[in-house]
C-alpha atoms as a PDB file:
ATOM      1  CA  MET A   1       6.858   7.156 -38.648  1.00  0.00           C
ATOM      2  CA  THR A   2       4.746   4.069 -37.284  1.00  0.00           C
ATOM      3  CA  CYS A   3       7.122   1.290 -35.720  1.00  0.00           C
ATOM      4  CA  ARG A   4       5.966  -1.982 -36.555  1.00  0.00           C
ATOM      5  CA  HIS A   5       6.357  -4.556 -33.704  1.00  0.00           C
ATOM      6  CA  ASP A   6       7.812  -7.967 -34.989  1.00  0.00           C
ATOM      7  CA  MET A   7       6.815 -10.817 -32.845  1.00  0.00           C
ATOM      8  CA  THR A   8       9.820 -13.011 -34.734  1.00  0.00           C
ATOM      9  CA  SER A   9      12.569 -12.700 -32.729  1.00  0.00           C
ATOM     10  CA  LEU A  10      10.477 -13.097 -29.250  1.00  0.00           C
ATOM     11  CA  ASP A  11       8.927 -16.378 -30.749  1.00  0.00           C
ATOM     12  CA  GLN A  12      12.229 -17.615 -31.247  1.00  0.00           C
ATOM     13  CA  ARG A  13      13.576 -16.877 -27.897  1.00  0.00           C
ATOM     14  CA  LEU A  14      10.518 -18.307 -26.406  1.00  0.00           C
ATOM     15  CA  SER A  15      10.104 -21.268 -28.824  1.00  0.00           C
ATOM     16  CA  ALA A  16      11.344 -23.609 -26.236  1.00  0.00           C
ATOM     17  CA  LEU A  17       8.423 -23.048 -23.940  1.00  0.00           C
ATOM     18  CA  GLU A  18       5.931 -23.306 -26.494  1.00  0.00           C
ATOM     19  CA  LEU A  19       5.308 -26.995 -25.573  1.00  0.00           C
ATOM     20  CA  SER A  20       5.721 -26.522 -22.173  1.00  0.00           C
ATOM     21  CA  ILE A  21       2.631 -27.943 -19.650  1.00  0.00           C
ATOM     22  CA  LEU A  22       2.647 -24.745 -17.463  1.00  0.00           C
ATOM     23  CA  PRO A  23       0.678 -21.463 -19.121  1.00  0.00           C
ATOM     24  CA  THR A  24       3.149 -19.411 -19.747  1.00  0.00           C
ATOM     25  CA  TRP A  25       3.169 -15.873 -21.082  1.00  0.00           C
ATOM     26  CA  VAL A  26       4.666 -12.321 -21.573  1.00  0.00           C
ATOM     27  CA  TYR A  27       3.239  -9.300 -20.101  1.00  0.00           C
ATOM     28  CA  ASP A  28       3.753  -5.689 -21.277  1.00  0.00           C
ATOM     29  CA  HIS A  29       2.857  -3.660 -18.080  1.00  0.00           C
ATOM     30  CA  ASP A  30       3.841  -0.524 -20.243  1.00  0.00           C
ATOM     31  CA  ARG A  31       0.870  -1.299 -22.922  1.00  0.00           C
ATOM     32  CA  TYR A  32      -1.364  -3.844 -20.532  1.00  0.00           C
ATOM     33  CA  ARG A  33      -1.012  -6.270 -23.324  1.00  0.00           C
ATOM     34  CA  PHE A  34       0.245  -9.801 -23.733  1.00  0.00           C
ATOM     35  CA  PRO A  35       2.543  -9.932 -26.443  1.00  0.00           C
ATOM     36  CA  TRP A  36       3.322 -13.691 -25.981  1.00  0.00           C
ATOM     37  CA  ALA A  37       1.775 -16.669 -24.610  1.00  0.00           C
ATOM     38  CA  ASN A  38       2.097 -20.298 -25.068  1.00  0.00           C
ATOM     39  CA  ALA A  39      -0.873 -22.695 -25.913  1.00  0.00           C
ATOM     40  CA  LYS A  40      -1.463 -23.624 -22.458  1.00  0.00           C
ATOM     41  CA  ALA A  41      -1.673 -19.765 -21.738  1.00  0.00           C
ATOM     42  CA  VAL A  42      -4.189 -19.133 -24.835  1.00  0.00           C
ATOM     43  CA  GLN A  43      -6.418 -22.584 -22.918  1.00  0.00           C
ATOM     44  CA  PHE A  44      -5.709 -21.167 -19.305  1.00  0.00           C
ATOM     45  CA  TRP A  45      -6.904 -17.358 -20.399  1.00  0.00           C
ATOM     46  CA  ARG A  46      -9.971 -18.821 -22.241  1.00  0.00           C
ATOM     47  CA  ALA A  47      -9.080 -17.337 -25.559  1.00  0.00           C
ATOM     48  CA  ALA A  48      -9.989 -18.189 -28.920  1.00  0.00           C
ATOM     49  CA  ASP A  49      -6.854 -17.907 -30.036  1.00  0.00           C
ATOM     50  CA  ARG A  50      -3.479 -16.087 -29.765  1.00  0.00           C
ATOM     51  CA  THR A  51      -5.028 -13.327 -32.004  1.00  0.00           C
ATOM     52  CA  GLU A  52      -7.599 -13.033 -29.414  1.00  0.00           C
ATOM     53  CA  LEU A  53      -5.680 -12.859 -26.552  1.00  0.00           C
ATOM     54  CA  TYR A  54      -2.850 -10.430 -27.666  1.00  0.00           C
ATOM     55  CA  ALA A  55      -5.817  -7.865 -28.532  1.00  0.00           C
ATOM     56  CA  ARG A  56      -7.159  -8.110 -24.961  1.00  0.00           C
ATOM     57  CA  ASP A  57      -7.040  -4.657 -23.150  1.00  0.00           C
ATOM     58  CA  LEU A  58      -5.507  -5.334 -19.421  1.00  0.00           C
ATOM     59  CA  SER A  59      -5.513  -1.582 -18.602  1.00  0.00           C
ATOM     60  CA  ASP A  60      -8.663  -2.131 -16.328  1.00  0.00           C
ATOM     61  CA  LEU A  61      -6.310  -2.981 -13.115  1.00  0.00           C
ATOM     62  CA  SER A  62      -7.719  -2.555  -9.358  1.00  0.00           C
ATOM     63  CA  PRO A  63      -5.170   0.037  -7.765  1.00  0.00           C
ATOM     64  CA  ALA A  64      -4.138  -3.376  -5.697  1.00  0.00           C
ATOM     65  CA  VAL A  65      -3.001  -5.339  -8.730  1.00  0.00           C
ATOM     66  CA  ARG A  66      -1.396  -1.938 -10.362  1.00  0.00           C
ATOM     67  CA  ALA A  67       0.662  -1.682  -7.225  1.00  0.00           C
ATOM     68  CA  ARG A  68       1.773  -5.535  -7.363  1.00  0.00           C
ATOM     69  CA  LEU A  69       2.866  -5.355 -10.718  1.00  0.00           C
ATOM     70  CA  ASP A  70       4.682  -2.177 -10.569  1.00  0.00           C
ATOM     71  CA  GLY A  71       6.499  -3.995  -7.696  1.00  0.00           C
ATOM     72  CA  TYR A  72       7.299  -6.875 -10.023  1.00  0.00           C
ATOM     73  CA  VAL A  73       8.703  -4.643 -12.687  1.00  0.00           C
ATOM     74  CA  ARG A  74      10.919  -2.847 -10.499  1.00  0.00           C
ATOM     75  CA  ALA A  75      12.206  -6.499  -8.827  1.00  0.00           C
ATOM     76  CA  VAL A  76      12.744  -8.059 -12.246  1.00  0.00           C
ATOM     77  CA  ALA A  77      14.356  -4.964 -13.752  1.00  0.00           C
ATOM     78  CA  GLU A  78      17.185  -5.233 -10.905  1.00  0.00           C
ATOM     79  CA  GLY A  79      17.860  -8.584 -11.892  1.00  0.00           C
ATOM     80  CA  GLY A  80      15.369 -10.594  -9.254  1.00  0.00           C
ATOM     81  CA  THR A  81      12.781 -12.909  -9.915  1.00  0.00           C
ATOM     82  CA  VAL A  82       9.178 -12.906  -8.270  1.00  0.00           C
ATOM     83  CA  VAL A  83       7.366 -16.173  -7.026  1.00  0.00           C
ATOM     84  CA  GLU A  84       3.543 -15.111  -5.529  1.00  0.00           C
ATOM     85  CA  ASP A  85       0.493 -16.544  -5.208  1.00  0.00           C
ATOM     86  CA  TRP A  86      -2.679 -15.163  -7.495  1.00  0.00           C
ATOM     87  CA  THR A  87      -5.899 -15.433  -8.023  1.00  0.00           C
ATOM     88  CA  LEU A  88      -6.644 -14.713 -11.448  1.00  0.00           C
ATOM     89  CA  TYR A  89     -10.107 -14.488 -13.470  1.00  0.00           C
ATOM     90  CA  PRO A  90     -10.042 -15.916 -17.197  1.00  0.00           C
ATOM     91  CA  ARG A  91     -13.258 -14.516 -18.300  1.00  0.00           C
ATOM     92  CA  GLY A  92     -14.550 -14.104 -14.848  1.00  0.00           C
ATOM     93  CA  THR A  93     -13.696 -17.572 -13.702  1.00  0.00           C
ATOM     94  CA  PRO A  94     -11.255 -17.839 -10.568  1.00  0.00           C
ATOM     95  CA  ALA A  95      -8.117 -19.547 -10.993  1.00  0.00           C
ATOM     96  CA  THR A  96      -5.422 -19.689  -8.068  1.00  0.00           C
ATOM     97  CA  VAL A  97      -1.887 -20.022  -9.386  1.00  0.00           C
ATOM     98  CA  THR A  98       1.467 -19.443  -8.100  1.00  0.00           C
ATOM     99  CA  LEU A  99       3.217 -17.053 -10.654  1.00  0.00           C
ATOM    100  CA  HIS A 100       7.031 -17.372 -11.203  1.00  0.00           C
ATOM    101  CA  GLY A 101       8.144 -13.974 -12.972  1.00  0.00           C
ATOM    102  CA  GLN A 102      11.578 -12.727 -14.528  1.00  0.00           C
ATOM    103  CA  ALA A 103      12.654 -10.441 -16.908  1.00  0.00           C
ATOM    104  CA  ILE A 104      12.843 -10.243 -20.669  1.00  0.00           C
ATOM    105  CA  ARG A 105      13.536  -8.087 -23.402  1.00  0.00           C
ATOM    106  CA  LEU A 106      10.791  -7.168 -26.034  1.00  0.00           C
ATOM    107  CA  ASP A 107      11.602  -6.893 -29.782  1.00  0.00           C
ATOM    108  CA  ASP A 108      11.540  -3.196 -29.224  1.00  0.00           C
ATOM    109  CA  GLY A 109      14.225  -3.352 -26.086  1.00  0.00           C
ATOM    110  CA  ARG A 110      11.183  -2.445 -23.645  1.00  0.00           C
ATOM    111  CA  LEU A 111      11.259  -4.587 -20.524  1.00  0.00           C
ATOM    112  CA  ALA A 112       8.515  -7.237 -20.084  1.00  0.00           C
ATOM    113  CA  VAL A 113       7.683  -9.716 -17.496  1.00  0.00           C
ATOM    114  CA  LEU A 114       7.809 -13.515 -18.359  1.00  0.00           C
ATOM    115  CA  PHE A 115       5.310 -15.253 -16.034  1.00  0.00           C
ATOM    116  CA  GLN A 116       4.772 -19.122 -15.791  1.00  0.00           C
ATOM    117  CA  ALA A 117       1.846 -20.169 -13.940  1.00  0.00           C
ATOM    118  CA  LEU A 118       1.743 -23.298 -11.432  1.00  0.00           C
ATOM    119  CA  PRO A 119      -1.805 -24.101 -10.815  1.00  0.00           C
ATOM    120  CA  GLN A 120      -2.661 -24.636  -7.418  1.00  0.00           C
ATOM    121  CA  SER A 121      -4.572 -27.643  -5.972  1.00  0.00           C
ATOM    122  CA  SER A 122      -8.341 -27.730  -6.225  1.00  0.00           C
ATOM    123  CA  ASP A 123      -8.678 -28.533  -2.657  1.00  0.00           C
ATOM    124  CA  VAL A 124      -6.903 -25.382  -1.241  1.00  0.00           C
ATOM    125  CA  ASP A 125      -8.712 -24.029   1.588  1.00  0.00           C
ATOM    126  CA  ALA A 126     -11.293 -21.409   0.266  1.00  0.00           C
ATOM    127  CA  SER A 127     -11.122 -19.603   3.278  1.00  0.00           C
ATOM    128  CA  MET A 128      -7.401 -19.158   3.021  1.00  0.00           C
ATOM    129  CA  VAL A 129      -7.760 -17.983  -0.573  1.00  0.00           C
ATOM    130  CA  ARG A 130     -10.423 -15.141   0.432  1.00  0.00           C
ATOM    131  CA  GLY A 131      -8.404 -13.998   3.460  1.00  0.00           C
ATOM    132  CA  VAL A 132      -5.462 -13.478   1.351  1.00  0.00           C
ATOM    133  CA  GLU A 133      -7.171 -11.443  -1.408  1.00  0.00           C
ATOM    134  CA  ALA A 134      -8.771  -9.712   1.162  1.00  0.00           C
ATOM    135  CA  VAL A 135      -5.295  -8.816   2.665  1.00  0.00           C
ATOM    136  CA  ARG A 136      -4.156  -7.509  -1.122  1.00  0.00           C
ATOM    137  CA  HIS A 137      -7.142  -5.602  -1.838  1.00  0.00           C
ATOM    138  CA  SER A 138      -7.169  -3.811   1.736  1.00  0.00           C
ATOM    139  CA  SER A 139      -6.386  -0.199   2.130  1.00  0.00           C
ATOM    140  CA  VAL A 140      -4.741  -1.056   5.383  1.00  0.00           C
ATOM    141  CA  LEU A 141      -1.124  -1.054   4.831  1.00  0.00           C
ATOM    142  CA  VAL A 142       0.058  -4.776   6.210  1.00  0.00           C
ATOM    143  CA  SER A 143       3.587  -5.522   6.496  1.00  0.00           C
ATOM    144  CA  LEU A 144       5.494  -8.930   7.872  1.00  0.00           C
ATOM    145  CA  VAL A 145       8.873  -7.973   9.413  1.00  0.00           C
ATOM    146  CA  ASP A 146      11.731  -9.859  10.986  1.00  0.00           C
ATOM    147  CA  ARG A 147      13.598  -9.503  14.277  1.00  0.00           C
ATOM    148  CA  ALA A 148      16.094  -7.438  12.263  1.00  0.00           C
ATOM    149  CA  GLY A 149      13.329  -5.307  10.971  1.00  0.00           C
ATOM    150  CA  LYS A 150      13.569  -6.392   7.374  1.00  0.00           C
ATOM    151  CA  ALA A 151      10.281  -6.366   5.294  1.00  0.00           C
ATOM    152  CA  LEU A 152       9.369  -9.650   4.396  1.00  0.00           C
ATOM    153  CA  PHE A 153       6.023  -8.661   2.838  1.00  0.00           C
ATOM    154  CA  HIS A 154       4.306  -5.865   1.794  1.00  0.00           C
ATOM    155  CA  ASN A 155       0.536  -5.913   0.572  1.00  0.00           C
ATOM    156  CA  PRO A 156      -0.270  -3.659  -2.173  1.00  0.00           C
ATOM    157  CA  ALA A 157      -1.401  -0.885  -0.156  1.00  0.00           C
ATOM    158  CA  ALA A 158       1.705  -1.024   1.719  1.00  0.00           C
ATOM    159  CA  LEU A 159       3.949  -1.166  -1.424  1.00  0.00           C
ATOM    160  CA  ARG A 160       1.854   2.261  -2.683  1.00  0.00           C
ATOM    161  CA  ALA A 161       2.278   4.042   0.775  1.00  0.00           C
ATOM    162  CA  LEU A 162       5.949   3.282   1.336  1.00  0.00           C
ATOM    163  CA  GLY A 163       7.447   2.106  -2.011  1.00  0.00           C
ATOM    164  CA  ASP A 164       9.900  -0.707  -1.783  1.00  0.00           C
ATOM    165  CA  ALA A 165      11.305   0.156   1.811  1.00  0.00           C
ATOM    166  CA  LEU A 166      13.430  -2.908   2.655  1.00  0.00           C
ATOM    167  CA  GLN A 167      13.965  -1.813   6.470  1.00  0.00           C
ATOM    168  CA  ILE A 168      10.575  -1.063   8.252  1.00  0.00           C
ATOM    169  CA  ASP A 169      12.437   1.194  10.625  1.00  0.00           C
ATOM    170  CA  ALA A 170      13.596   3.674   7.739  1.00  0.00           C
ATOM    171  CA  VAL A 171       9.921   5.038   7.246  1.00  0.00           C
ATOM    172  CA  PHE A 172       9.520   6.056  10.711  1.00  0.00           C
ATOM    173  CA  PRO A 173      11.486   9.484  11.543  1.00  0.00           C
ATOM    174  CA  ASP A 174      10.825   9.079  14.985  1.00  0.00           C
ATOM    175  CA  GLU A 175      13.884   7.838  16.693  1.00  0.00           C
ATOM    176  CA  GLY A 176      12.951   4.441  18.367  1.00  0.00           C
ATOM    177  CA  ALA A 177       9.923   3.683  16.541  1.00  0.00           C
ATOM    178  CA  GLY A 178      11.165   0.903  14.740  1.00  0.00           C
ATOM    179  CA  ALA A 179      12.812  -0.856  17.967  1.00  0.00           C
ATOM    180  CA  ALA A 180       9.368  -0.471  19.501  1.00  0.00           C
ATOM    181  CA  ILE A 181       7.320  -1.830  16.269  1.00  0.00           C
ATOM    182  CA  ARG A 182      10.315  -5.120  16.394  1.00  0.00           C
ATOM    183  CA  GLY A 183       9.949  -4.995  20.256  1.00  0.00           C
ATOM    184  CA  ALA A 184       6.627  -6.909  20.282  1.00  0.00           C
ATOM    185  CA  ILE A 185       8.453 -10.273  19.457  1.00  0.00           C
ATOM    186  CA  ASP A 186      10.343 -10.168  22.589  1.00  0.00           C
ATOM    187  CA  ALA A 187       7.429  -8.958  24.293  1.00  0.00           C
ATOM    188  CA  GLU A 188       5.122 -11.369  22.963  1.00  0.00           C
ATOM    189  CA  ALA A 189       2.438  -8.752  23.144  1.00  0.00           C
ATOM    190  CA  PRO A 190       0.919  -6.359  20.851  1.00  0.00           C
ATOM    191  CA  TRP A 191       2.486  -2.685  20.693  1.00  0.00           C
ATOM    192  CA  SER A 192       0.300   0.358  19.066  1.00  0.00           C
ATOM    193  CA  GLY A 193       0.627   3.935  18.756  1.00  0.00           C
ATOM    194  CA  GLU A 194       0.128   6.893  16.287  1.00  0.00           C
ATOM    195  CA  LEU A 195       3.546   7.803  14.519  1.00  0.00           C
ATOM    196  CA  LYS A 196       4.700   9.960  11.883  1.00  0.00           C
ATOM    197  CA  VAL A 197       5.756   8.081   8.569  1.00  0.00           C
ATOM    198  CA  LEU A 198       7.749   8.800   5.169  1.00  0.00           C
ATOM    199  CA  THR A 199       5.177   7.683   2.390  1.00  0.00           C
ATOM    200  CA  THR A 200       5.380   8.210  -1.179  1.00  0.00           C
ATOM    201  CA  GLU A 201       3.108  11.401  -0.661  1.00  0.00           C
ATOM    202  CA  GLY A 202       5.031  12.957   2.305  1.00  0.00           C
ATOM    203  CA  GLU A 203       5.174  12.704   5.741  1.00  0.00           C
ATOM    204  CA  ARG A 204       1.910  11.310   7.087  1.00  0.00           C
ATOM    205  CA  TRP A 205       0.204  10.264  10.460  1.00  0.00           C
ATOM    206  CA  HIS A 206      -0.425   6.399  10.580  1.00  0.00           C
ATOM    207  CA  ARG A 207      -2.371   4.342  13.992  1.00  0.00           C
ATOM    208  CA  VAL A 208       0.457   1.349  14.129  1.00  0.00           C
ATOM    209  CA  GLU A 209      -0.441  -1.712  15.379  1.00  0.00           C
ATOM    210  CA  ALA A 210       2.507  -4.536  15.676  1.00  0.00           C
ATOM    211  CA  ARG A 211       1.599  -8.203  16.807  1.00  0.00           C
ATOM    212  CA  PRO A 212       4.228 -11.091  17.290  1.00  0.00           C
ATOM    213  CA  THR A 213       3.768 -13.908  15.102  1.00  0.00           C
ATOM    214  CA  THR A 214       5.848 -16.476  12.959  1.00  0.00           C
ATOM    215  CA  ASP A 215       7.135 -16.349   9.762  1.00  0.00           C
ATOM    216  CA  PRO A 216       5.481 -18.993   7.433  1.00  0.00           C
ATOM    217  CA  VAL A 217       8.057 -19.662   5.127  1.00  0.00           C
ATOM    218  CA  THR A 218      11.217 -20.151   7.340  1.00  0.00           C
ATOM    219  CA  GLY A 219       9.393 -20.325  10.790  1.00  0.00           C
ATOM    220  CA  GLY A 220      11.519 -17.688  12.493  1.00  0.00           C
ATOM    221  CA  ARG A 221       9.476 -14.877  15.000  1.00  0.00           C
ATOM    222  CA  ALA A 222       8.476 -12.234  13.248  1.00  0.00           C
ATOM    223  CA  VAL A 223       5.735  -9.087  13.622  1.00  0.00           C
ATOM    224  CA  LEU A 224       2.840  -8.314  11.611  1.00  0.00           C
ATOM    225  CA  VAL A 225       2.538  -4.420  11.121  1.00  0.00           C
ATOM    226  CA  GLN A 226      -0.699  -3.130  10.049  1.00  0.00           C
ATOM    227  CA  GLN A 227      -0.904   0.823   9.501  1.00  0.00           C
ATOM    228  CA  LEU A 228      -4.031   3.115   9.033  1.00  0.00           C
ATOM    229  CA  ASP A 229      -3.736   6.697   7.847  1.00  0.00           C
ATOM    230  CA  VAL A 230      -4.911   9.076  10.341  1.00  0.00           C
ATOM    231  CA  THR A 231      -3.481  12.278   8.970  1.00  0.00           C
ATOM    232  CA  ALA A 232      -7.102  13.666   8.265  1.00  0.00           C
ATOM    233  CA  GLN A 233      -8.143  12.865  11.848  1.00  0.00           C
ATOM    234  CA  ARG A 234      -5.223  14.490  13.349  1.00  0.00           C
ATOM    235  CA  ARG A 235      -5.568  17.313  11.172  1.00  0.00           C
ATOM    236  CA  ALA A 236      -9.133  17.852  12.262  1.00  0.00           C
ATOM    237  CA  GLU A 237      -8.109  17.393  15.712  1.00  0.00           C
ATOM    238  CA  GLY A 238      -5.550  20.349  15.360  1.00  0.00           C
ATOM    239  CA  GLN A 239      -8.311  22.422  14.230  1.00  0.00           C
ATOM    240  CA  ILE A 240     -10.665  21.812  16.679  1.00  0.00           C
ATOM    241  CA  GLU A 241      -7.721  22.131  19.335  1.00  0.00           C
ATOM    242  CA  GLN A 242      -6.950  25.403  17.523  1.00  0.00           C
ATOM    243  CA  GLN A 243     -10.421  26.524  17.604  1.00  0.00           C
ATOM    244  CA  GLY A 244     -10.952  26.024  21.292  1.00  0.00           C
ATOM    245  CA  ARG A 245      -7.958  28.003  21.851  1.00  0.00           C
ATOM    246  CA  LEU A 246      -9.325  30.699  20.113  1.00  0.00           C
ATOM    247  CA  ILE A 247     -12.725  30.352  22.006  1.00  0.00           C
ATOM    248  CA  ASP A 248     -10.578  30.506  25.199  1.00  0.00           C
ATOM    249  CA  GLU A 249      -8.670  33.711  24.307  1.00  0.00           C
ATOM    250  CA  LEU A 250     -11.674  35.045  23.296  1.00  0.00           C
ATOM    251  CA  ASN A 251     -13.533  34.364  26.462  1.00  0.00           C
ATOM    252  CA  ARG A 252     -10.536  35.786  28.349  1.00  0.00           C
ATOM    253  CA  SER A 253     -10.682  38.954  26.481  1.00  0.00           C
ATOM    254  CA  LEU A 254     -14.157  39.412  26.934  1.00  0.00           C
ATOM    255  CA  ALA A 255     -14.135  38.735  30.727  1.00  0.00           C
ATOM    256  CA  LEU A 256     -11.295  41.256  30.916  1.00  0.00           C
ATOM    257  CA  VAL A 257     -13.398  43.642  28.832  1.00  0.00           C
ATOM    258  CA  GLU A 258     -16.368  43.207  31.250  1.00  0.00           C
ATOM    259  CA  GLU A 259     -13.946  43.483  34.192  1.00  0.00           C
ATOM    260  CA  GLN A 260     -12.636  46.835  32.999  1.00  0.00           C
ATOM    261  CA  ARG A 261     -16.242  48.121  32.337  1.00  0.00           C
ATOM    262  CA  ARG A 262     -17.071  47.440  35.985  1.00  0.00           C
ATOM    263  CA  GLN A 263     -13.946  49.227  37.010  1.00  0.00           C
ATOM    264  CA  ILE A 264     -14.817  52.431  35.095  1.00  0.00           C
ATOM    265  CA  LEU A 265     -18.538  52.126  36.398  1.00  0.00           C
ATOM    266  CA  THR A 266     -16.999  51.811  39.895  1.00  0.00           C
ATOM    267  CA  LEU A 267     -14.805  54.883  39.740  1.00  0.00           C
ATOM    268  CA  SER A 268     -17.636  56.899  38.023  1.00  0.00           C
ATOM    269  CA  ALA A 269     -20.123  56.225  40.335  1.00  0.00           C
ATOM    270  CA  PRO A 270     -19.034  59.365  42.761  1.00  0.00           C
ATOM    271  CA  ILE A 271     -18.890  61.289  39.782  1.00  0.00           C
ATOM    272  CA  LEU A 272     -22.075  60.680  38.905  1.00  0.00           C
ATOM    273  CA  ASP A 273     -23.409  61.423  42.240  1.00  0.00           C
ATOM    274  CA  VAL A 274     -21.987  64.684  42.426  1.00  0.00           C
ATOM    275  CA  GLY A 275     -23.579  65.372  39.170  1.00  0.00           C
ATOM    276  CA  ARG A 276     -27.170  64.414  40.967  1.00  0.00           C
ATOM    277  CA  GLY A 277     -25.967  66.399  43.774  1.00  0.00           C
ATOM    278  CA  THR A 278     -25.807  63.630  46.538  1.00  0.00           C
ATOM    279  CA  LEU A 279     -22.048  64.375  47.716  1.00  0.00           C
END
């Protein structure tokens, strides 16, 4: 039996936003579709009309974007709201906006996100925008942590690897690792090391660098934590080390065999001389 999706109820609930000057839309993360949008959103997304916008398939997401949206859905499902700067690309044209997101139920009861987009000033520094986007798409895990170890920010790579970890200490099984990382704040100097990390894919080895910095929102001291997965390198080094031990053991065995051969020859020499009549 096919269930037809009726938009009337959602239209009624959001009718007050139809005339909003802000582009506003509902995003269905399960189906990667826009089930509702106001007139400004249709214009923002450069669609011919609502029908064309609603028909767009948004499933071709980069891993970074998918991780961010996964995090948003989890946050709003728990009653939270999300506010974050995005660079969106309607019809390939970049538009930097601040997105405000909150939970909304679709007519079939599923959870979606209601987004309102606040366009940013056109004089925003281009290098800053590019820097932010580079961090978001980087494979390096980047987190901003306060003095108490609370995670203030995770880039998408960190979200994928660490989940929604709220305390940076919780992802390091080695006692004292979190304190060492946070200690960079008081030391006013970078700290680095290779640590075991509890990730969504199990225990991994990460090269971790912590640098003291300032939280640009509160002005408080914080630490920028960058992590690079070096598990494959660790395994390769372990294999090389194991092979080295095997070679050393083999060399010792060969040396022992050679020594035993020399001893046998030494002991056999008189017997051989007797056999030749030289005794």
